[in-house]
Every structure is written in structure tokens, then in C-alpha cells.
C-alpha atoms as a PDB file:
ATOM      1  CA  MET A   1      -8.991  10.493 -20.112  1.00  0.00           C
ATOM      2  CA  LEU A   2      -9.764   6.786 -20.329  1.00  0.00           C
ATOM      3  CA  GLU A   3     -12.450   5.350 -18.083  1.00  0.00           C
ATOM      4  CA  PHE A   4     -11.296   3.198 -15.155  1.00  0.00           C
ATOM      5  CA  THR A   5     -11.963  -0.438 -16.094  1.00  0.00           C
ATOM      6  CA  MET A   6     -10.812  -3.869 -14.967  1.00  0.00           C
ATOM      7  CA  ASP A   7      -8.751  -4.236 -18.146  1.00  0.00           C
ATOM      8  CA  ASN A   8      -6.876  -0.929 -18.130  1.00  0.00           C
ATOM      9  CA  ASN A   9      -6.122  -0.903 -14.394  1.00  0.00           C
ATOM     10  CA  LEU A  10      -3.021  -2.648 -13.060  1.00  0.00           C
ATOM     11  CA  THR A  11      -2.829  -3.655  -9.412  1.00  0.00           C
ATOM     12  CA  ILE A  12       0.748  -3.641  -8.120  1.00  0.00           C
ATOM     13  CA  ILE A  13       1.844  -5.237  -4.849  1.00  0.00           C
ATOM     14  CA  PRO A  14       5.503  -4.236  -4.308  1.00  0.00           C
ATOM     15  CA  ALA A  15       7.416  -6.894  -2.381  1.00  0.00           C
ATOM     16  CA  ARG A  16      11.178  -6.694  -2.204  1.00  0.00           C
ATOM     17  CA  ALA A  17      13.318  -9.204  -0.333  1.00  0.00           C
ATOM     18  CA  GLY A  18      15.532  -6.894   1.710  1.00  0.00           C
ATOM     19  CA  SER A  19      13.511  -6.046   4.807  1.00  0.00           C
ATOM     20  CA  LYS A  20      15.903  -5.363   7.687  1.00  0.00           C
ATOM     21  CA  ARG A  21      13.585  -4.819  10.672  1.00  0.00           C
ATOM     22  CA  VAL A  22      11.619  -8.019   9.967  1.00  0.00           C
ATOM     23  CA  PRO A  23      13.839 -10.257   7.769  1.00  0.00           C
ATOM     24  CA  GLY A  24      11.931 -12.057   5.018  1.00  0.00           C
ATOM     25  CA  LYS A  25       8.828 -10.101   6.000  1.00  0.00           C
ATOM     26  CA  ASN A  26       6.951 -10.274   2.719  1.00  0.00           C
ATOM     27  CA  ILE A  27       6.848 -14.076   2.671  1.00  0.00           C
ATOM     28  CA  LYS A  28       6.961 -14.630   6.423  1.00  0.00           C
ATOM     29  CA  PRO A  29       3.912 -16.716   7.459  1.00  0.00           C
ATOM     30  CA  LEU A  30       1.197 -14.698   9.185  1.00  0.00           C
ATOM     31  CA  GLU A  31      -1.231 -17.174  10.750  1.00  0.00           C
ATOM     32  CA  GLY A  32      -0.121 -19.797   8.239  1.00  0.00           C
ATOM     33  CA  LYS A  33      -0.204 -17.629   5.112  1.00  0.00           C
ATOM     34  CA  PRO A  34       2.675 -15.619   3.591  1.00  0.00           C
ATOM     35  CA  LEU A  35       2.276 -11.889   4.194  1.00  0.00           C
ATOM     36  CA  ILE A  36       1.988 -11.033   0.483  1.00  0.00           C
ATOM     37  CA  ALA A  37      -0.827 -13.583   0.115  1.00  0.00           C
ATOM     38  CA  TRP A  38      -3.089 -11.479   2.356  1.00  0.00           C
ATOM     39  CA  SER A  39      -2.971  -8.588  -0.117  1.00  0.00           C
ATOM     40  CA  ILE A  40      -3.170 -10.862  -3.163  1.00  0.00           C
ATOM     41  CA  ASP A  41      -6.326 -12.466  -1.769  1.00  0.00           C
ATOM     42  CA  ALA A  42      -7.822  -9.065  -0.902  1.00  0.00           C
ATOM     43  CA  ALA A  43      -7.250  -7.851  -4.478  1.00  0.00           C
ATOM     44  CA  LYS A  44      -8.600 -11.058  -6.051  1.00  0.00           C
ATOM     45  CA  ASN A  45     -11.804 -10.806  -3.996  1.00  0.00           C
ATOM     46  CA  THR A  46     -12.652  -7.283  -5.135  1.00  0.00           C
ATOM     47  CA  LYS A  47     -15.213  -6.614  -7.844  1.00  0.00           C
ATOM     48  CA  GLN A  48     -13.038  -4.262  -9.911  1.00  0.00           C
ATOM     49  CA  LEU A  49      -9.457  -5.571  -9.885  1.00  0.00           C
ATOM     50  CA  LYS A  50      -8.294  -8.229 -12.324  1.00  0.00           C
ATOM     51  CA  ASN A  51      -4.697  -7.561 -13.418  1.00  0.00           C
ATOM     52  CA  ILE A  52      -2.828  -8.278 -10.172  1.00  0.00           C
ATOM     53  CA  CYS A  53       0.974  -8.225 -10.165  1.00  0.00           C
ATOM     54  CA  VAL A  54       3.584  -8.635  -7.479  1.00  0.00           C
ATOM     55  CA  ALA A  55       6.633  -6.471  -8.170  1.00  0.00           C
ATOM     56  CA  THR A  56       9.724  -8.203  -6.814  1.00  0.00           C
ATOM     57  CA  GLU A  57      13.379  -8.804  -7.600  1.00  0.00           C
ATOM     58  CA  ASN A  58      13.360 -12.121  -5.733  1.00  0.00           C
ATOM     59  CA  GLN A  59      12.513 -15.456  -7.370  1.00  0.00           C
ATOM     60  CA  GLU A  60      11.273 -17.066  -4.148  1.00  0.00           C
ATOM     61  CA  ILE A  61       8.807 -14.222  -3.592  1.00  0.00           C
ATOM     62  CA  ALA A  62       7.774 -14.474  -7.252  1.00  0.00           C
ATOM     63  CA  ASP A  63       7.109 -18.218  -6.945  1.00  0.00           C
ATOM     64  CA  ILE A  64       4.953 -17.723  -3.855  1.00  0.00           C
ATOM     65  CA  ALA A  65       3.048 -14.879  -5.517  1.00  0.00           C
ATOM     66  CA  LEU A  66       2.322 -17.098  -8.526  1.00  0.00           C
ATOM     67  CA  LEU A  67       1.143 -19.856  -6.195  1.00  0.00           C
ATOM     68  CA  TYR A  68      -1.450 -17.499  -4.709  1.00  0.00           C
ATOM     69  CA  GLY A  69      -2.690 -16.311  -8.090  1.00  0.00           C
ATOM     70  CA  ALA A  70      -0.746 -13.118  -8.816  1.00  0.00           C
ATOM     71  CA  ASP A  71       1.041 -12.406 -12.071  1.00  0.00           C
ATOM     72  CA  ILE A  72       4.805 -11.843 -12.395  1.00  0.00           C
ATOM     73  CA  PRO A  73       5.493 -10.127 -15.734  1.00  0.00           C
ATOM     74  CA  GLY A  74       9.200 -10.140 -14.915  1.00  0.00           C
ATOM     75  CA  LEU A  75      11.574  -9.536 -12.029  1.00  0.00           C
ATOM     76  CA  ARG A  76      12.415  -6.014 -10.911  1.00  0.00           C
ATOM     77  CA  THR A  77      15.998  -4.864 -11.160  1.00  0.00           C
ATOM     78  CA  VAL A  78      18.045  -5.143  -7.983  1.00  0.00           C
ATOM     79  CA  GLU A  79      18.598  -1.360  -8.159  1.00  0.00           C
ATOM     80  CA  SER A  80      14.862  -0.715  -7.778  1.00  0.00           C
ATOM     81  CA  ALA A  81      14.668  -2.924  -4.679  1.00  0.00           C
ATOM     82  CA  THR A  82      17.242  -1.312  -2.393  1.00  0.00           C
ATOM     83  CA  ASP A  83      16.428   0.412   0.903  1.00  0.00           C
ATOM     84  CA  ASP A  84      16.812   3.809  -0.724  1.00  0.00           C
ATOM     85  CA  ALA A  85      15.020   3.114  -4.007  1.00  0.00           C
ATOM     86  CA  PRO A  86      11.676   4.928  -4.286  1.00  0.00           C
ATOM     87  CA  THR A  87       8.548   2.883  -4.931  1.00  0.00           C
ATOM     88  CA  ARG A  88       8.058   4.760  -8.190  1.00  0.00           C
ATOM     89  CA  ASP A  89      10.982   2.819  -9.701  1.00  0.00           C
ATOM     90  CA  ALA A  90       9.218  -0.479  -9.034  1.00  0.00           C
ATOM     91  CA  ILE A  91       5.981   0.933 -10.426  1.00  0.00           C
ATOM     92  CA  SER A  92       7.640   2.152 -13.612  1.00  0.00           C
ATOM     93  CA  GLU A  93       9.412  -1.155 -14.234  1.00  0.00           C
ATOM     94  CA  THR A  94       6.298  -3.217 -13.523  1.00  0.00           C
ATOM     95  CA  ILE A  95       4.064  -1.187 -15.823  1.00  0.00           C
ATOM     96  CA  ALA A  96       6.602  -1.479 -18.644  1.00  0.00           C
ATOM     97  CA  MET A  97       7.070  -5.236 -18.178  1.00  0.00           C
ATOM     98  CA  TYR A  98       3.322  -5.856 -17.894  1.00  0.00           C
ATOM     99  CA  GLU A  99       2.507  -3.893 -21.053  1.00  0.00           C
ATOM    100  CA  GLN A 100       5.248  -5.678 -22.970  1.00  0.00           C
ATOM    101  CA  HIS A 101       4.161  -9.058 -21.582  1.00  0.00           C
ATOM    102  CA  THR A 102       0.413  -8.641 -22.295  1.00  0.00           C
ATOM    103  CA  GLY A 103       0.147  -6.016 -25.028  1.00  0.00           C
ATOM    104  CA  LYS A 104      -2.340  -4.092 -22.861  1.00  0.00           C
ATOM    105  CA  HIS A 105      -2.207  -0.355 -22.234  1.00  0.00           C
ATOM    106  CA  ILE A 106      -2.392   0.569 -18.562  1.00  0.00           C
ATOM    107  CA  ALA A 107      -4.257   3.810 -17.792  1.00  0.00           C
ATOM    108  CA  TRP A 108      -4.732   3.394 -14.043  1.00  0.00           C
ATOM    109  CA  VAL A 109      -2.750   1.831 -11.211  1.00  0.00           C
ATOM    110  CA  THR A 110      -3.889   0.524  -7.835  1.00  0.00           C
ATOM    111  CA  LEU A 111      -0.999   0.069  -5.411  1.00  0.00           C
ATOM    112  CA  LEU A 112      -1.493  -2.197  -2.392  1.00  0.00           C
ATOM    113  CA  GLN A 113       1.365  -2.401   0.082  1.00  0.00           C
ATOM    114  CA  PRO A 114       1.787  -5.984   1.372  1.00  0.00           C
ATOM    115  CA  THR A 115       2.478  -4.573   4.840  1.00  0.00           C
ATOM    116  CA  SER A 116      -1.257  -3.815   5.254  1.00  0.00           C
ATOM    117  CA  PRO A 117      -2.600  -7.375   5.540  1.00  0.00           C
ATOM    118  CA  PHE A 118      -5.940  -6.510   7.172  1.00  0.00           C
ATOM    119  CA  ARG A 119      -7.163  -4.116   4.493  1.00  0.00           C
ATOM    120  CA  LYS A 120     -10.430  -5.682   3.307  1.00  0.00           C
ATOM    121  CA  SER A 121     -11.642  -6.309  -0.232  1.00  0.00           C
ATOM    122  CA  ALA A 122     -14.781  -4.318   0.540  1.00  0.00           C
ATOM    123  CA  THR A 123     -12.628  -1.378   1.598  1.00  0.00           C
ATOM    124  CA  ILE A 124     -10.690  -1.512  -1.678  1.00  0.00           C
ATOM    125  CA  ASN A 125     -14.014  -1.525  -3.536  1.00  0.00           C
ATOM    126  CA  LEU A 126     -15.133   1.579  -1.632  1.00  0.00           C
ATOM    127  CA  ALA A 127     -11.843   3.329  -2.371  1.00  0.00           C
ATOM    128  CA  ILE A 128     -12.170   2.600  -6.098  1.00  0.00           C
ATOM    129  CA  ASP A 129     -15.783   3.814  -6.123  1.00  0.00           C
ATOM    130  CA  SER A 130     -14.741   6.994  -4.311  1.00  0.00           C
ATOM    131  CA  PHE A 131     -11.908   7.551  -6.773  1.00  0.00           C
ATOM    132  CA  ILE A 132     -14.104   7.044  -9.842  1.00  0.00           C
ATOM    133  CA  LYS A 133     -16.710   9.516  -8.513  1.00  0.00           C
ATOM    134  CA  SER A 134     -14.061  12.135  -7.738  1.00  0.00           C
ATOM    135  CA  SER A 135     -12.330  14.534 -10.101  1.00  0.00           C
ATOM    136  CA  GLY A 136      -8.900  13.731  -8.701  1.00  0.00           C
ATOM    137  CA  LYS A 137      -6.086  11.856 -10.347  1.00  0.00           C
ATOM    138  CA  THR A 138      -4.664  10.354  -7.167  1.00  0.00           C
ATOM    139  CA  LEU A 139      -6.371   8.772  -4.170  1.00  0.00           C
ATOM    140  CA  VAL A 140      -4.463   7.846  -1.019  1.00  0.00           C
ATOM    141  CA  SER A 141      -5.821   6.072   2.037  1.00  0.00           C
ATOM    142  CA  VAL A 142      -5.415   7.877   5.343  1.00  0.00           C
ATOM    143  CA  CYS A 143      -6.408   7.425   8.965  1.00  0.00           C
ATOM    144  CA  LYS A 144      -6.867   9.891  11.792  1.00  0.00           C
ATOM    145  CA  HIS A 145      -3.712  10.830  13.644  1.00  0.00           C
ATOM    146  CA  GLY A 146      -3.939   9.428  17.147  1.00  0.00           C
ATOM    147  CA  ILE A 147      -2.353  12.302  19.093  1.00  0.00           C
ATOM    148  CA  PRO A 148      -3.794  15.855  19.002  1.00  0.00           C
ATOM    149  CA  LEU A 149      -1.140  18.404  18.126  1.00  0.00           C
ATOM    150  CA  HIS A 150      -1.829  20.474  21.256  1.00  0.00           C
ATOM    151  CA  TRP A 151      -0.683  17.497  23.370  1.00  0.00           C
ATOM    152  CA  LEU A 152       2.806  17.672  21.894  1.00  0.00           C
ATOM    153  CA  ASN A 153       5.718  19.031  23.900  1.00  0.00           C
ATOM    154  CA  THR A 154       9.394  19.738  23.440  1.00  0.00           C
ATOM    155  CA  ILE A 155      12.313  19.370  25.857  1.00  0.00           C
ATOM    156  CA  ASP A 156      14.355  22.546  26.241  1.00  0.00           C
ATOM    157  CA  SER A 157      18.109  22.906  26.615  1.00  0.00           C
ATOM    158  CA  LYS A 158      17.812  22.628  30.412  1.00  0.00           C
ATOM    159  CA  GLY A 159      15.965  19.303  30.142  1.00  0.00           C
ATOM    160  CA  TYR A 160      12.509  20.667  31.057  1.00  0.00           C
ATOM    161  CA  ILE A 161       9.260  19.930  29.219  1.00  0.00           C
ATOM    162  CA  GLN A 162       7.823  22.871  27.293  1.00  0.00           C
ATOM    163  CA  ASN A 163       4.576  23.145  25.354  1.00  0.00           C
ATOM    164  CA  ALA A 164       5.218  22.910  21.628  1.00  0.00           C
ATOM    165  CA  ASN A 165       2.727  25.752  20.974  1.00  0.00           C
ATOM    166  CA  VAL A 166       1.219  23.920  18.006  1.00  0.00           C
ATOM    167  CA  SER A 167      -2.138  25.488  17.013  1.00  0.00           C
ATOM    168  CA  SER A 168      -4.498  23.112  15.053  1.00  0.00           C
ATOM    169  CA  ARG A 169      -6.785  22.245  17.972  1.00  0.00           C
ATOM    170  CA  GLU A 170      -9.852  22.451  15.762  1.00  0.00           C
ATOM    171  CA  LYS A 171      -8.453  20.541  12.810  1.00  0.00           C
ATOM    172  CA  HIS A 172      -8.745  16.829  12.188  1.00  0.00           C
ATOM    173  CA  LEU A 173      -5.291  15.448  11.501  1.00  0.00           C
ATOM    174  CA  TYR A 174      -4.648  12.519   9.160  1.00  0.00           C
ATOM    175  CA  HIS A 175      -1.632  10.542   8.024  1.00  0.00           C
ATOM    176  CA  TYR A 176      -1.046   8.163   5.135  1.00  0.00           C
ATOM    177  CA  ASN A 177      -1.541   4.570   6.288  1.00  0.00           C
ATOM    178  CA  GLY A 178       0.057   2.884   3.260  1.00  0.00           C
ATOM    179  CA  ALA A 179      -2.907   0.605   2.539  1.00  0.00           C
ATOM    180  CA  ILE A 180      -4.343   1.874  -0.773  1.00  0.00           C
ATOM    181  CA  TYR A 181      -3.064   4.152  -3.542  1.00  0.00           C
ATOM    182  CA  ILE A 182      -4.955   4.712  -6.800  1.00  0.00           C
ATOM    183  CA  PHE A 183      -3.626   6.988  -9.513  1.00  0.00           C
ATOM    184  CA  SER A 184      -3.750   7.623 -13.218  1.00  0.00           C
ATOM    185  CA  ARG A 185      -0.960   6.692 -15.580  1.00  0.00           C
ATOM    186  CA  GLU A 186      -1.117  10.285 -16.813  1.00  0.00           C
ATOM    187  CA  THR A 187      -0.318  11.525 -13.306  1.00  0.00           C
ATOM    188  CA  PHE A 188       2.573   9.109 -12.962  1.00  0.00           C
ATOM    189  CA  ASP A 189       4.042  10.042 -16.349  1.00  0.00           C
ATOM    190  CA  THR A 190       3.579  13.772 -15.741  1.00  0.00           C
ATOM    191  CA  TYR A 191       4.977  14.043 -12.220  1.00  0.00           C
ATOM    192  CA  GLY A 192       7.255  11.011 -12.131  1.00  0.00           C
ATOM    193  CA  ASP A 193       5.456   9.904  -8.997  1.00  0.00           C
ATOM    194  CA  ILE A 194       2.070   8.738  -7.750  1.00  0.00           C
ATOM    195  CA  TYR A 195       1.285  12.075  -6.132  1.00  0.00           C
ATOM    196  CA  SER A 196      -0.497  14.871  -7.986  1.00  0.00           C
ATOM    197  CA  PRO A 197      -1.253  18.401  -6.735  1.00  0.00           C
ATOM    198  CA  ASP A 198      -4.841  17.417  -5.835  1.00  0.00           C
ATOM    199  CA  ILE A 199      -4.881  14.195  -3.809  1.00  0.00           C
ATOM    200  CA  ILE A 200      -8.204  12.664  -2.822  1.00  0.00           C
ATOM    201  CA  PRO A 201      -8.173  11.244   0.728  1.00  0.00           C
ATOM    202  CA  PHE A 202      -9.838   7.934   1.447  1.00  0.00           C
ATOM    203  CA  ILE A 203     -10.424   7.834   5.190  1.00  0.00           C
ATOM    204  CA  MET A 204     -10.114   4.427   6.843  1.00  0.00           C
ATOM    205  CA  ASP A 205     -11.603   4.543  10.336  1.00  0.00           C
ATOM    206  CA  ASP A 206     -10.775   0.941  11.211  1.00  0.00           C
ATOM    207  CA  HIS A 207      -7.356   1.020  12.890  1.00  0.00           C
ATOM    208  CA  ILE A 208      -6.855  -2.711  12.368  1.00  0.00           C
ATOM    209  CA  GLU A 209      -7.235  -2.286   8.614  1.00  0.00           C
ATOM    210  CA  SER A 210      -4.780   0.600   8.833  1.00  0.00           C
ATOM    211  CA  LEU A 211      -2.086  -1.430  10.582  1.00  0.00           C
ATOM    212  CA  ASP A 212       1.182  -1.090   8.647  1.00  0.00           C
ATOM    213  CA  ILE A 213       3.801  -3.702   9.537  1.00  0.00           C
ATOM    214  CA  ASP A 214       7.166  -1.970   9.735  1.00  0.00           C
ATOM    215  CA  THR A 215       8.800  -3.236  12.936  1.00  0.00           C
ATOM    216  CA  TYR A 216       9.003  -6.488  14.849  1.00  0.00           C
ATOM    217  CA  GLU A 217       6.528  -5.043  17.367  1.00  0.00           C
ATOM    218  CA  ASP A 218       4.098  -4.393  14.500  1.00  0.00           C
ATOM    219  CA  TRP A 219       4.554  -8.014  13.427  1.00  0.00           C
ATOM    220  CA  GLN A 220       3.773  -9.281  16.918  1.00  0.00           C
ATOM    221  CA  LEU A 221       0.586  -7.211  16.991  1.00  0.00           C
ATOM    222  CA  ALA A 222      -0.394  -8.421  13.518  1.00  0.00           C
ATOM    223  CA  SER A 223       0.173 -12.037  14.577  1.00  0.00           C
ATOM    224  CA  LEU A 224      -2.169 -11.564  17.514  1.00  0.00           C
ATOM    225  CA  ILE A 225      -4.826  -9.952  15.341  1.00  0.00           C
ATOM    226  CA  ALA A 226      -4.530 -12.661  12.660  1.00  0.00           C
ATOM    227  CA  TYR A 227      -4.828 -15.375  15.305  1.00  0.00           C
ATOM    228  CA  ASN A 228      -7.991 -13.820  16.679  1.00  0.00           C
ATOM    229  CA  PHE A 229      -9.419 -13.497  13.169  1.00  0.00           C
ATOM    230  CA  SER A 230      -8.811 -17.213  12.562  1.00  0.00           C
ATOM    231  CA  ALA A 231     -10.333 -18.127  15.917  1.00  0.00           C
ATOM    232  CA  MET A 232     -13.550 -16.309  14.948  1.00  0.00           C
ATOM    233  CA  ASP A 233     -13.878 -18.100  11.589  1.00  0.00           C
END
């Protein structure tokens, strides 16, 4: 398998236009900077990422991405940017367009969701280092689940609370936080997805870095955090 290098790795930031919970989310200003620009800047300031693309079907998003230094090898199809379209469709189209546009062969992909604006460049560097040292073909960032399973309850047919009888008291529970995905092209071509049977976890302990903007309430929290960041600069 080819070694992970700056030249054969493609960084993809998927940014479609059709957000319903937060309209125009991907270019909505967050403390004066479009949301996608936070992830573009984070990628540009790493030591190992060079080929940085925004995958979008929308020309306005593409123009803003170009302004902040990302590449747009072509626009995604509208079909790959619907609510129901899996991210793998955008990945597949972007890899194909980038290879055709540049003549390069892509062996590795780093996927950065634009909805994780506080993920730091240093954290991306650590994730890449962890991935390179591992024997896995996919790395996914995770964070600890905030609620222990034994705290969970159900409501029975009479309307009373009942213990859910979930056992895993001794286990640490984690969930994907959507911030960082790294995977081999071989994995993607083999499984038709970014996930392989053996996924390497990259644990992110900082809950601010793990913030994933999905709802208007998430946006309000992100705005407060971004404002405080700017006030400290």
C-alpha cells in the first residue's frame, strides 16, 4: 500500500447548500467568518495536508471556498447533495474530478465535516500521526458518550418510568463526533464506503472541539464559543 504523503492524500470538506435546520449553514457567518472557512483554515494550518477541496453543488459556496484557499475541481451533482444522499457519493465524485483535474492519483482521503468548526489543526495532525502509526485502514474521531447507559430508563405502557436494564457499567462508551475521518482509497473502493471492518478510534477529549452543528441550538452555542474565542485573541 502506498505511503501516506501530502501529495497522495486528498482533504475533502463536504458542503452542500440544502441545510434545513440552519438554512445556508455552511456559508453562514460564524463570528465574521463563513462556517466552511473554519475547516478550510484548520486544514491549511496542518503540517500534512495540502490538497484541500470543498465538495459542493452550489456555486456560491464554491466561490467562498476558493476565496479562503480551497480547491474546487468541479461541482458535485445535485443528486449527490440531497438530504438522503450518502456522503460517499460526494467523496466518489470529488476524488474522480480531482484526479481528472490534476492528473494525481489519490491513495488516502481526509474528510473534515464543516459542521465541526472548533476542531484544531494540531488535533488533525495528531489524528494523522495516529493513523499512520496504526495498522488500520480507517480512522474516525470519537468522544466519550456523556450519559452512562445504566442511567437510561424507559416509560412503560402505563406511563411509569422503568429501568432500561442496560449492562455496560464498566465500559467506556464513545460516539462518532463527525470531526475527522481518514481512510485509504483501497478501503473506499473495496467497501463502497469510508468504513472498514477494523476502524481506529481517535479520541477527542475536548468537547468544544467535538461540537457538531446540526440544529439552531447548536449554532447558538457555537456563536457563543466563537465570540469568546475572539475575545481572548
